[in-house]
């Protein structure tokens, strides 16, 4: 055996080999080489247990030719190797010629003994470290102690590798699951609405999704431009690649270029490391630039160059980076007017306006209002753990008569507020936001006195009861714990048409 100083050096080298990079697969062949070369053994080989086949598999060796190395896989099902694995204790076999499965390892008089040490992860045996000394070992106890130390280091290295691989596999599965959820969420069939205006949008999205054409989404705030951008990406040929978003209005002019193109370390004050921009992050996938009309003039020039040349440089860098992205942009501004007043480049406009899709405001989609309301009701009653059966007729009338300056986003907020405010299983008019009820916004009433408020509440309750009873006044009165005469009187005074509720 080598002297102690050499032993320490060899063990340190083995430790360094096992700790090179815990993010990569552990390479055990160099470890086997150091055991042989640094510790003075004739041969060394490492067997690892594979749970899916329930077998010991040769994973690394030193001093074995390829033919003998391959033989090991067929000699581990029975005999001393399997016995040590099943009863994991270090063992010395004095003469492997007495072990038929391993007799091919005997070379004349030398190397006829075999030291077998279990490799453990925690208390579980995961493999074997086997070495053949040069001649018969005369200090087996010391050798076993040293080999047990090396086996423990190998076990720790493999344990880290298995943890990393397990975490990587978990992240991969989560990533696939999330991508599947996103694809399902943004499937065309999940876009709510059947009005002519939204059907035209469906048709256009279907036409353009499978291509790589640049898309310009136009429409007022809250019309669902980002949702349509998601639908285009997740139904495109790039759906398995990144979908990267950037709101051009959310960042100051000094940061927008860095976000788009990235920067090198030292490119400006505070740039203490290299940063990849959105164009690099979206490589092979889709880049969605929202509020493109707010892009600063200087950045418009650089964006135009990227679209023309399909390449760019990071801020402060000289390396030219190729750009393989599909670009989708969106704006609520009048770009033609912006071109006229000089705030938006005409040449960039024509680059972006390859396939334009206009998203109609909600006031032009009246027939979709209740479909959207029911969709949001289902979403938020589940989110807030409430059980709401329906929306009352007066509340429906209020929803249908409102003009929604905030479009679909405002309707969604109104329904979420109503779900939170609702203390029964029916959403009434008073659960809706004040903006749907006040004179200033809705234009439906001029004053709101106590008498008017009471009448509105009574009208709401009576109409709701009539709807539930199919226009039957007597049944409605019983539901309201009143008499048919009183309810009939109020129906007449409040101008309610009971016949509209008859089935």
Protein backbone atom coordinates (compact mmCIF):
# COMPACT_ATOMS: atom_id res chain seq x y z
CA UNK A 1 0.00 0.00 0.00
CA UNK A 2 1.22 3.59 -0.63
CA UNK A 3 2.48 5.63 2.25
CA UNK A 4 -0.01 7.66 4.33
CA UNK A 5 0.81 11.00 2.66
CA UNK A 6 0.00 9.47 -0.73
CA UNK A 7 -3.18 7.95 0.65
CA UNK A 8 -4.39 11.34 1.88
CA UNK A 9 -3.57 12.90 -1.49
CA UNK A 10 -5.41 10.15 -3.38
CA UNK A 11 -8.48 10.39 -1.13
CA UNK A 12 -8.52 14.18 -1.57
CA UNK A 13 -8.39 13.76 -5.35
CA UNK A 14 -11.30 11.32 -5.21
CA UNK A 15 -13.28 13.78 -3.06
CA UNK A 16 -12.56 16.54 -5.61
CA UNK A 17 -13.74 14.31 -8.48
CA UNK A 18 -17.02 13.62 -6.70
CA UNK A 19 -17.55 17.31 -5.92
CA UNK A 20 -16.71 18.83 -9.31
CA UNK A 21 -20.25 19.85 -10.21
CA UNK A 22 -23.30 18.57 -8.36
CA UNK A 23 -25.54 19.65 -11.24
CA UNK A 24 -23.97 17.10 -13.61
CA UNK A 25 -24.09 13.29 -13.59
CA UNK A 26 -21.39 11.83 -11.37
CA UNK A 27 -18.67 10.20 -13.52
CA UNK A 28 -17.32 7.25 -11.54
CA UNK A 29 -14.67 6.07 -14.03
CA UNK A 30 -12.07 8.67 -12.91
CA UNK A 31 -12.84 7.67 -9.31
CA UNK A 32 -12.09 4.02 -10.12
CA UNK A 33 -8.86 5.11 -11.84
CA UNK A 34 -7.72 7.05 -8.75
CA UNK A 35 -8.48 4.07 -6.51
CA UNK A 36 -6.24 1.89 -8.66
CA UNK A 37 -3.48 4.42 -9.39
CA UNK A 38 -3.47 6.37 -6.14
CA UNK A 39 -4.13 3.56 -3.66
CA UNK A 40 -2.11 0.83 -5.35
CA UNK A 41 -4.82 -1.70 -6.20
CA UNK A 42 -4.80 -4.04 -9.20
CA UNK A 43 -8.40 -3.50 -10.27
CA UNK A 44 -11.47 -1.61 -9.12
CA UNK A 45 -15.06 -1.67 -10.29
CA UNK A 46 -18.29 -0.10 -9.09
CA UNK A 47 -21.74 -1.71 -9.34
CA UNK A 48 -24.93 0.33 -8.87
CA UNK A 49 -28.44 -0.94 -8.15
CA UNK A 50 -31.16 -0.17 -10.70
CA UNK A 51 -34.60 -0.39 -9.02
CA UNK A 52 -36.56 -0.70 -12.26
CA UNK A 53 -34.70 -3.92 -13.16
CA UNK A 54 -33.87 -4.92 -9.55
CA UNK A 55 -30.31 -5.69 -10.61
CA UNK A 56 -26.72 -4.60 -9.99
CA UNK A 57 -25.20 -2.98 -13.06
CA UNK A 58 -21.52 -2.32 -13.77
CA UNK A 59 -21.13 1.46 -13.84
CA UNK A 60 -17.37 2.11 -13.74
CA UNK A 61 -14.09 0.22 -13.70
CA UNK A 62 -10.32 0.53 -13.88
CA UNK A 63 -8.00 -2.30 -14.85
CA UNK A 64 -10.75 -4.31 -16.61
CA UNK A 65 -10.94 -4.80 -20.35
CA UNK A 66 -14.26 -4.15 -22.10
CA UNK A 67 -15.15 -7.82 -22.41
CA UNK A 68 -14.64 -8.49 -18.69
CA UNK A 69 -16.47 -5.28 -17.77
CA UNK A 70 -19.50 -6.45 -19.76
CA UNK A 71 -19.39 -9.86 -18.10
CA UNK A 72 -20.01 -8.24 -14.71
CA UNK A 73 -23.64 -7.41 -15.61
CA UNK A 74 -24.36 -11.13 -16.06
CA UNK A 75 -22.59 -12.25 -12.86
CA UNK A 76 -24.39 -10.23 -10.18
CA UNK A 77 -27.73 -12.02 -9.76
CA UNK A 78 -26.28 -14.57 -7.34
CA UNK A 79 -23.08 -15.27 -5.45
CA UNK A 80 -20.95 -13.14 -3.15
CA UNK A 81 -21.79 -9.80 -4.80
CA UNK A 82 -25.52 -10.23 -4.30
CA UNK A 83 -24.98 -11.54 -0.76
CA UNK A 84 -23.01 -8.44 0.23
CA UNK A 85 -25.62 -6.15 -1.37
CA UNK A 86 -28.49 -7.88 0.47
CA UNK A 87 -26.55 -7.90 3.75
CA UNK A 88 -24.52 -4.71 3.35
CA UNK A 89 -21.33 -5.32 5.29
CA UNK A 90 -17.76 -4.99 4.00
CA UNK A 91 -16.41 -8.40 3.00
CA UNK A 92 -13.06 -9.85 1.93
CA UNK A 93 -13.13 -12.86 -0.38
CA UNK A 94 -9.79 -14.65 0.01
CA UNK A 95 -9.97 -16.56 -3.26
CA UNK A 96 -12.41 -15.51 -6.00
CA UNK A 97 -11.56 -18.72 -7.81
CA UNK A 98 -13.99 -20.26 -5.32
CA UNK A 99 -16.72 -17.90 -6.63
CA UNK A 100 -17.63 -19.26 -10.11
CA UNK A 101 -19.43 -16.08 -11.27
CA UNK A 102 -16.22 -14.09 -10.65
CA UNK A 103 -13.59 -16.63 -11.60
CA UNK A 104 -12.88 -14.73 -14.83
CA UNK A 105 -11.16 -12.10 -12.65
CA UNK A 106 -8.40 -14.53 -11.57
CA UNK A 107 -5.02 -13.85 -13.24
CA UNK A 108 -2.59 -16.56 -12.26
CA UNK A 109 -1.41 -16.18 -8.69
CA UNK A 110 -2.01 -12.41 -8.43
CA UNK A 111 -5.21 -10.65 -7.58
CA UNK A 112 -7.10 -13.70 -6.35
CA UNK A 113 -8.71 -11.87 -3.42
CA UNK A 114 -11.54 -9.31 -3.65
CA UNK A 115 -12.58 -6.58 -1.21
CA UNK A 116 -16.28 -5.68 -1.44
CA UNK A 117 -17.65 -2.59 0.30
CA UNK A 118 -21.33 -1.49 0.21
CA UNK A 119 -22.12 2.00 -1.14
CA UNK A 120 -24.95 3.49 0.88
CA UNK A 121 -27.30 6.43 0.63
CA UNK A 122 -28.46 6.94 4.18
CA UNK A 123 -29.24 3.44 5.45
CA UNK A 124 -30.10 2.10 2.00
CA UNK A 125 -27.53 0.15 -0.02
CA UNK A 126 -27.33 1.52 -3.57
CA UNK A 127 -24.25 -0.27 -4.91
CA UNK A 128 -20.92 -1.95 -4.31
CA UNK A 129 -17.29 -0.83 -4.50
CA UNK A 130 -15.04 -3.81 -5.36
CA UNK A 131 -11.23 -3.82 -5.50
CA UNK A 132 -8.59 -6.44 -6.18
CA UNK A 133 -5.30 -5.96 -4.30
CA UNK A 134 -1.94 -6.83 -5.83
CA UNK A 135 -1.43 -10.18 -4.14
CA UNK A 136 -3.11 -11.19 -0.88
CA UNK A 137 -4.04 -8.29 1.46
CA UNK A 138 -2.11 -8.34 4.71
CA UNK A 139 -3.84 -5.29 6.20
CA UNK A 140 -7.44 -5.95 5.24
CA UNK A 141 -8.81 -4.09 8.25
CA UNK A 142 -7.03 -0.85 7.36
CA UNK A 143 -7.92 -1.24 3.69
CA UNK A 144 -11.56 -1.84 4.54
CA UNK A 145 -11.66 1.33 6.62
CA UNK A 146 -10.19 3.37 3.79
CA UNK A 147 -12.49 1.82 1.19
CA UNK A 148 -15.52 2.36 3.44
CA UNK A 149 -14.57 6.05 3.57
CA UNK A 150 -14.34 6.20 -0.24
CA UNK A 151 -17.62 4.27 -0.60
CA UNK A 152 -19.28 6.76 1.75
CA UNK A 153 -18.03 9.65 -0.42
CA UNK A 154 -19.33 7.91 -3.55
CA UNK A 155 -22.69 7.34 -1.83
CA UNK A 156 -22.90 11.02 -0.87
CA UNK A 157 -22.04 12.09 -4.41
CA UNK A 158 -24.70 9.79 -5.86
CA UNK A 159 -27.19 10.97 -3.24
CA UNK A 160 -26.68 14.58 -4.33
CA UNK A 161 -26.97 13.53 -7.97
CA UNK A 162 -30.20 11.64 -7.33
CA UNK A 163 -31.64 14.62 -5.43
CA UNK A 164 -30.72 16.97 -8.29
CA UNK A 165 -32.11 14.61 -10.92
CA UNK A 166 -35.28 14.09 -8.88
CA UNK A 167 -35.75 17.85 -8.50
CA UNK A 168 -35.01 18.36 -12.20
CA UNK A 169 -37.57 15.69 -13.14
CA UNK A 170 -40.09 17.25 -10.78
CA UNK A 171 -39.53 20.66 -12.38
CA UNK A 172 -39.80 19.11 -15.85
CA UNK A 173 -43.11 17.46 -14.97
CA UNK A 174 -44.40 20.68 -13.40
CA UNK A 175 -43.32 22.60 -16.49
CA UNK A 176 -45.10 20.14 -18.80
CA UNK A 177 -48.18 20.26 -16.56
CA UNK A 178 -48.23 24.06 -16.55
CA UNK A 179 -47.77 24.18 -20.32
CA UNK A 180 -50.62 21.73 -20.73
CA UNK A 181 -52.80 23.83 -18.42
CA UNK A 182 -51.92 26.99 -20.34
CA UNK A 183 -52.65 25.33 -23.68
CA UNK A 184 -56.01 24.14 -22.37
CA UNK A 185 -56.75 27.51 -20.77
CA UNK A 186 -56.05 29.41 -23.99
CA UNK A 187 -57.68 26.93 -26.33
CA UNK A 188 -59.96 28.71 -28.81
CA UNK A 189 -62.98 26.94 -27.35
CA UNK A 190 -62.36 28.68 -24.01
CA UNK A 191 -62.69 32.17 -25.45
CA UNK A 192 -66.12 33.23 -24.19
CA UNK A 193 -68.62 34.81 -26.57
CA UNK A 194 -70.72 34.07 -29.63
CA UNK A 195 -71.47 37.54 -30.98
CA UNK A 196 -70.65 38.30 -34.60
CA UNK A 197 -67.86 40.66 -33.50
CA UNK A 198 -66.06 38.05 -31.40
CA UNK A 199 -66.65 35.31 -33.99
CA UNK A 200 -64.70 37.41 -36.46
CA UNK A 201 -61.84 37.53 -33.94
CA UNK A 202 -61.98 33.70 -33.60
CA UNK A 203 -61.72 33.32 -37.37
CA UNK A 204 -58.75 35.68 -37.59
CA UNK A 205 -56.91 34.05 -34.68
CA UNK A 206 -57.45 30.63 -36.26
CA UNK A 207 -56.07 31.87 -39.57
CA UNK A 208 -52.91 33.40 -38.15
CA UNK A 209 -52.05 31.07 -35.22
CA UNK A 210 -50.30 28.35 -37.22
CA UNK A 211 -48.14 30.84 -39.13
CA UNK A 212 -45.12 32.87 -38.01
CA UNK A 213 -46.66 36.16 -39.13
CA UNK A 214 -46.29 39.27 -36.97
CA UNK A 215 -49.62 40.14 -35.34
CA UNK A 216 -50.89 43.54 -34.21
CA UNK A 217 -53.75 43.43 -31.68
CA UNK A 218 -55.79 46.61 -31.50
CA UNK A 219 -58.56 47.56 -29.12
CA UNK A 220 -59.47 49.50 -26.03
CA UNK A 221 -58.04 48.64 -22.60
CA UNK A 222 -59.69 45.61 -21.06
CA UNK A 223 -60.83 43.97 -24.31
CA UNK A 224 -58.62 40.90 -23.83
CA UNK A 225 -55.60 41.58 -26.03
CA UNK A 226 -53.23 39.62 -23.79
CA UNK A 227 -55.63 36.67 -23.70
CA UNK A 228 -55.74 36.61 -27.51
CA UNK A 229 -51.93 36.81 -27.64
CA UNK A 230 -51.78 33.77 -25.35
CA UNK A 231 -54.29 31.93 -27.54
CA UNK A 232 -52.22 32.63 -30.66
CA UNK A 233 -49.01 31.39 -29.05
CA UNK A 234 -50.41 28.24 -27.39
CA UNK A 235 -52.14 27.21 -30.61
CA UNK A 236 -49.07 27.87 -32.79
CA UNK A 237 -46.14 25.72 -33.88
CA UNK A 238 -44.08 27.50 -31.20
CA UNK A 239 -46.35 26.47 -28.32
CA UNK A 240 -43.63 24.33 -26.67
CA UNK A 241 -41.17 27.22 -26.72
CA UNK A 242 -41.16 30.30 -24.41
CA UNK A 243 -43.91 32.91 -24.39
CA UNK A 244 -42.29 36.12 -23.11
CA UNK A 245 -44.23 39.31 -22.32
CA UNK A 246 -43.26 42.94 -21.84
CA UNK A 247 -45.48 45.95 -21.19
CA UNK A 248 -43.75 48.85 -22.95
CA UNK A 249 -45.69 51.42 -20.88
CA UNK A 250 -44.67 49.92 -17.54
CA UNK A 251 -40.96 50.80 -17.77
CA UNK A 252 -39.11 54.13 -17.98
CA UNK A 253 -37.37 54.99 -21.26
CA UNK A 254 -33.95 54.36 -19.68
CA UNK A 255 -34.76 50.70 -18.93
CA UNK A 256 -36.84 49.60 -21.89
CA UNK A 257 -33.87 48.86 -24.18
CA UNK A 258 -32.12 46.85 -21.48
CA UNK A 259 -35.29 44.80 -20.96
CA UNK A 260 -35.69 44.18 -24.69
CA UNK A 261 -32.10 43.52 -25.75
CA UNK A 262 -30.25 42.81 -22.49
CA UNK A 263 -26.96 44.36 -21.39
CA UNK A 264 -23.37 43.47 -20.66
CA UNK A 265 -21.69 43.95 -17.32
CA UNK A 266 -20.61 47.58 -16.92
CA UNK A 267 -22.84 48.82 -19.76
CA UNK A 268 -24.21 51.50 -17.41
CA UNK A 269 -24.20 52.42 -13.74
CA UNK A 270 -25.64 49.54 -11.75
CA UNK A 271 -25.07 46.91 -14.48
CA UNK A 272 -23.04 44.59 -12.24
CA UNK A 273 -23.69 41.47 -14.31
CA UNK A 274 -24.68 40.38 -17.78
CA UNK A 275 -28.42 40.21 -18.40
CA UNK A 276 -30.31 38.53 -21.22
CA UNK A 277 -33.10 40.58 -22.77
CA UNK A 278 -36.61 39.50 -23.75
CA UNK A 279 -35.55 38.82 -27.33
CA UNK A 280 -33.02 36.25 -26.10
CA UNK A 281 -35.39 34.75 -23.55
CA UNK A 282 -38.05 34.28 -26.24
CA UNK A 283 -35.67 32.57 -28.68
CA UNK A 284 -37.62 30.00 -30.68
CA UNK A 285 -40.89 31.15 -29.14
CA UNK A 286 -43.12 34.22 -29.07
CA UNK A 287 -42.46 37.75 -27.79
CA UNK A 288 -45.54 39.77 -26.82
CA UNK A 289 -45.04 43.55 -26.55
CA UNK A 290 -48.06 45.20 -24.98
CA UNK A 291 -48.75 48.94 -25.30
CA UNK A 292 -46.37 49.16 -28.27
CA UNK A 293 -47.66 52.67 -28.95
CA UNK A 294 -45.77 53.87 -25.84
CA UNK A 295 -42.37 52.71 -27.11
CA UNK A 296 -39.82 55.59 -27.03
CA UNK A 297 -38.69 56.88 -30.48
CA UNK A 298 -35.06 55.76 -30.00
CA UNK A 299 -36.16 52.25 -29.08
CA UNK A 300 -38.50 52.19 -32.09
CA UNK A 301 -35.44 52.54 -34.36
CA UNK A 302 -33.67 49.59 -32.69
CA UNK A 303 -36.80 47.44 -32.78
CA UNK A 304 -37.19 48.19 -36.50
CA UNK A 305 -33.62 47.02 -37.10
CA UNK A 306 -34.25 43.76 -35.22
CA UNK A 307 -37.37 43.10 -37.29
CA UNK A 308 -35.49 43.82 -40.52
CA UNK A 309 -32.17 42.11 -39.82
CA UNK A 310 -33.32 39.49 -37.28
CA UNK A 311 -30.28 40.27 -35.11
CA UNK A 312 -29.22 42.64 -32.32
CA UNK A 313 -26.52 43.38 -29.74
CA UNK A 314 -26.86 43.69 -25.98
CA UNK A 315 -26.33 47.17 -24.55
CA UNK A 316 -22.60 47.68 -24.12
CA UNK A 317 -21.79 44.56 -26.16
CA UNK A 318 -20.35 43.84 -29.59
CA UNK A 319 -21.52 40.26 -30.09
CA UNK A 320 -24.29 39.98 -32.68
CA UNK A 321 -27.13 37.74 -31.50
CA UNK A 322 -29.55 36.14 -33.93
CA UNK A 323 -33.25 36.56 -33.23
CA UNK A 324 -35.67 33.70 -33.92
CA UNK A 325 -38.95 34.94 -32.45
CA UNK A 326 -42.53 35.41 -33.47
CA UNK A 327 -43.65 38.94 -32.55
CA UNK A 328 -47.11 39.87 -31.30
CA UNK A 329 -47.79 43.48 -30.36
CA UNK A 330 -50.81 45.21 -28.89
CA UNK A 331 -51.97 48.79 -28.44
CA UNK A 332 -55.03 50.78 -27.43
CA UNK A 333 -53.73 53.89 -29.19
CA UNK A 334 -54.56 55.27 -32.60
CA UNK A 335 -51.25 54.52 -34.32
CA UNK A 336 -52.25 56.34 -37.49
CA UNK A 337 -52.75 59.50 -35.47
CA UNK A 338 -49.46 58.88 -33.64
CA UNK A 339 -47.71 58.65 -37.05
CA UNK A 340 -49.32 61.93 -38.08
CA UNK A 341 -48.08 63.77 -34.98
CA UNK A 342 -44.61 62.20 -35.23
CA UNK A 343 -44.62 60.06 -32.08
CA UNK A 344 -44.60 56.72 -33.91
CA UNK A 345 -42.48 55.68 -36.89
CA UNK A 346 -44.38 54.90 -40.06
CA UNK A 347 -41.86 52.27 -41.23
CA UNK A 348 -42.16 50.44 -37.90
CA UNK A 349 -45.95 50.60 -38.14
CA UNK A 350 -45.88 48.76 -41.47
CA UNK A 351 -43.53 46.15 -40.02
CA UNK A 352 -45.91 45.50 -37.14
CA UNK A 353 -49.17 45.75 -39.05
CA UNK A 354 -48.72 42.50 -41.01
CA UNK A 355 -51.86 40.88 -39.60
CA UNK A 356 -54.05 43.20 -37.54
CA UNK A 357 -56.85 41.95 -35.30
CA UNK A 358 -59.35 44.43 -33.88
CA UNK A 359 -60.83 43.43 -30.53
CA UNK A 360 -64.31 44.95 -30.18
CA UNK A 361 -65.30 46.81 -27.00
CA UNK A 362 -67.87 45.11 -24.78
CA UNK A 363 -70.55 47.65 -25.67
CA UNK A 364 -70.42 46.22 -29.21
CA UNK A 365 -70.82 42.68 -27.85
CA UNK A 366 -74.05 43.01 -25.88
CA UNK A 367 -75.02 39.40 -26.51
CA UNK A 368 -71.78 38.24 -24.84
CA UNK A 369 -72.30 40.13 -21.58
CA UNK A 370 -74.27 37.40 -19.80
CA UNK A 371 -72.05 34.61 -21.14
CA UNK A 372 -69.05 36.45 -19.72
CA UNK A 373 -70.88 37.21 -16.47
CA UNK A 374 -71.75 33.54 -15.95
CA UNK A 375 -68.15 32.57 -16.78
CA UNK A 376 -66.75 34.98 -14.19
CA UNK A 377 -69.41 33.97 -11.66
CA UNK A 378 -68.33 30.34 -11.93
CA UNK A 379 -64.68 31.34 -11.64
CA UNK A 380 -65.02 33.52 -8.54
CA UNK A 381 -67.55 31.45 -6.62
CA UNK A 382 -65.00 28.63 -6.79
CA UNK A 383 -62.12 30.95 -5.91
CA UNK A 384 -63.92 32.48 -2.93
CA UNK A 385 -65.63 29.22 -1.91
CA UNK A 386 -69.19 30.47 -2.29
CA UNK A 387 -72.26 28.77 -3.75
CA UNK A 388 -74.21 31.18 -5.92
CA UNK A 389 -77.02 29.75 -8.04
CA UNK A 390 -77.83 32.67 -10.32
CA UNK A 391 -78.01 36.40 -11.02
CA UNK A 392 -81.37 38.08 -10.38
CA UNK A 393 -83.36 39.66 -13.22
CA UNK A 394 -82.87 43.28 -12.03
CA UNK A 395 -79.12 42.65 -11.69
CA UNK A 396 -79.11 41.23 -15.22
CA UNK A 397 -80.91 44.34 -16.46
CA UNK A 398 -78.26 46.51 -14.78
CA UNK A 399 -75.43 44.48 -16.32
CA UNK A 400 -77.00 44.65 -19.77
CA UNK A 401 -77.72 48.39 -19.68
CA UNK A 402 -74.24 49.51 -18.58
CA UNK A 403 -71.78 50.78 -21.21
CA UNK A 404 -68.51 49.34 -19.70
CA UNK A 405 -65.77 51.89 -20.39
CA UNK A 406 -63.37 49.34 -18.85
CA UNK A 407 -64.70 46.56 -21.12
CA UNK A 408 -64.36 42.87 -20.15
CA UNK A 409 -61.94 43.66 -17.32
CA UNK A 410 -64.52 45.95 -15.71
CA UNK A 411 -67.24 43.32 -16.04
CA UNK A 412 -64.97 40.74 -14.42
CA UNK A 413 -64.22 43.09 -11.52
CA UNK A 414 -67.94 43.81 -11.10
CA UNK A 415 -68.78 40.11 -10.87
CA UNK A 416 -65.97 39.40 -8.40
CA UNK A 417 -67.18 42.26 -6.20
CA UNK A 418 -70.75 40.94 -6.38
CA UNK A 419 -69.61 37.45 -5.36
CA UNK A 420 -67.75 38.88 -2.37
CA UNK A 421 -70.68 41.10 -1.35
CA UNK A 422 -73.35 38.43 -1.85
CA UNK A 423 -74.66 36.98 1.44
CA UNK A 424 -77.14 34.55 -0.15
CA UNK A 425 -77.16 32.27 -3.18
CA UNK A 426 -78.48 34.92 -5.58
CA UNK A 427 -76.71 38.06 -6.81
CA UNK A 428 -79.03 41.08 -6.59
CA UNK A 429 -78.62 44.56 -7.98
CA UNK A 430 -77.35 46.00 -4.72
CA UNK A 431 -74.42 43.56 -4.82
CA UNK A 432 -73.09 45.15 -8.00
CA UNK A 433 -70.64 48.07 -7.91
CA UNK A 434 -72.09 51.57 -7.44
CA UNK A 435 -70.85 52.52 -10.92
CA UNK A 436 -73.54 50.31 -12.41
CA UNK A 437 -76.22 52.02 -10.34
CA UNK A 438 -75.41 55.74 -10.11
CA UNK A 439 -76.94 58.39 -12.32
CA UNK A 440 -73.60 59.84 -13.34
CA UNK A 441 -72.39 56.62 -14.94
CA UNK A 442 -75.43 54.61 -15.94
CA UNK A 443 -77.82 57.45 -16.76
CA UNK A 444 -80.71 55.37 -15.46
CA UNK A 445 -81.89 57.48 -12.50
CA UNK A 446 -81.68 61.14 -11.66
CA UNK A 447 -81.97 60.96 -7.85
CA UNK A 448 -81.72 58.24 -5.27
CA UNK A 449 -84.01 59.06 -2.35
CA UNK A 450 -84.92 56.60 0.41
CA UNK A 451 -88.30 56.02 -1.23
CA UNK A 452 -86.66 55.33 -4.58
CA UNK A 453 -84.15 52.95 -3.02
CA UNK A 454 -86.92 51.02 -1.22
CA UNK A 455 -88.95 50.78 -4.44
CA UNK A 456 -85.88 49.54 -6.32
CA UNK A 457 -85.25 46.89 -3.69
CA UNK A 458 -88.92 45.78 -3.69
CA UNK A 459 -88.96 45.65 -7.49
CA UNK A 460 -85.79 43.53 -7.39
CA UNK A 461 -87.26 41.07 -4.86
CA UNK A 462 -90.65 40.77 -6.58
CA UNK A 463 -89.20 40.30 -10.05
CA UNK A 464 -86.82 37.68 -8.71
CA UNK A 465 -89.73 35.81 -7.07
CA UNK A 466 -91.82 36.03 -10.27
CA UNK A 467 -88.92 34.62 -12.26
CA UNK A 468 -88.63 31.68 -9.83
CA UNK A 469 -92.37 30.94 -9.99
CA UNK A 470 -92.78 31.41 -13.74
CA UNK A 471 -94.90 34.52 -13.32
CA UNK A 472 -97.30 32.96 -10.76
CA UNK A 473 -98.23 35.87 -8.44
CA UNK A 474 -99.75 33.64 -5.74
CA UNK A 475 -96.63 31.47 -5.48
CA UNK A 476 -94.45 34.58 -5.56
CA UNK A 477 -96.39 36.04 -2.64
CA UNK A 478 -95.87 32.85 -0.61
CA UNK A 479 -92.15 32.94 -1.38
CA UNK A 480 -92.02 36.52 -0.09
CA UNK A 481 -94.08 35.61 2.99
CA UNK A 482 -96.79 38.07 1.90
CA UNK A 483 -100.32 37.96 0.44
CA UNK A 484 -101.35 37.81 -3.18
CA UNK A 485 -103.29 41.06 -2.75
CA UNK A 486 -100.31 43.01 -1.40
CA UNK A 487 -97.91 41.63 -4.00
CA UNK A 488 -100.42 42.30 -6.77
CA UNK A 489 -100.82 45.87 -5.53
CA UNK A 490 -97.06 46.42 -5.54
CA UNK A 491 -96.71 44.86 -9.01
CA UNK A 492 -99.24 47.37 -10.31
CA UNK A 493 -97.68 50.38 -8.53
CA UNK A 494 -94.12 49.45 -9.50
CA UNK A 495 -95.06 48.87 -13.14
CA UNK A 496 -93.87 45.24 -13.21
CA UNK A 497 -95.07 43.13 -16.13
CA UNK A 498 -95.68 39.70 -14.57
CA UNK A 499 -96.48 38.16 -17.95
CA UNK A 500 -92.85 38.41 -19.09
CA UNK A 501 -91.90 35.78 -16.53
CA UNK A 502 -94.50 33.20 -17.56
CA UNK A 503 -93.08 30.01 -19.01
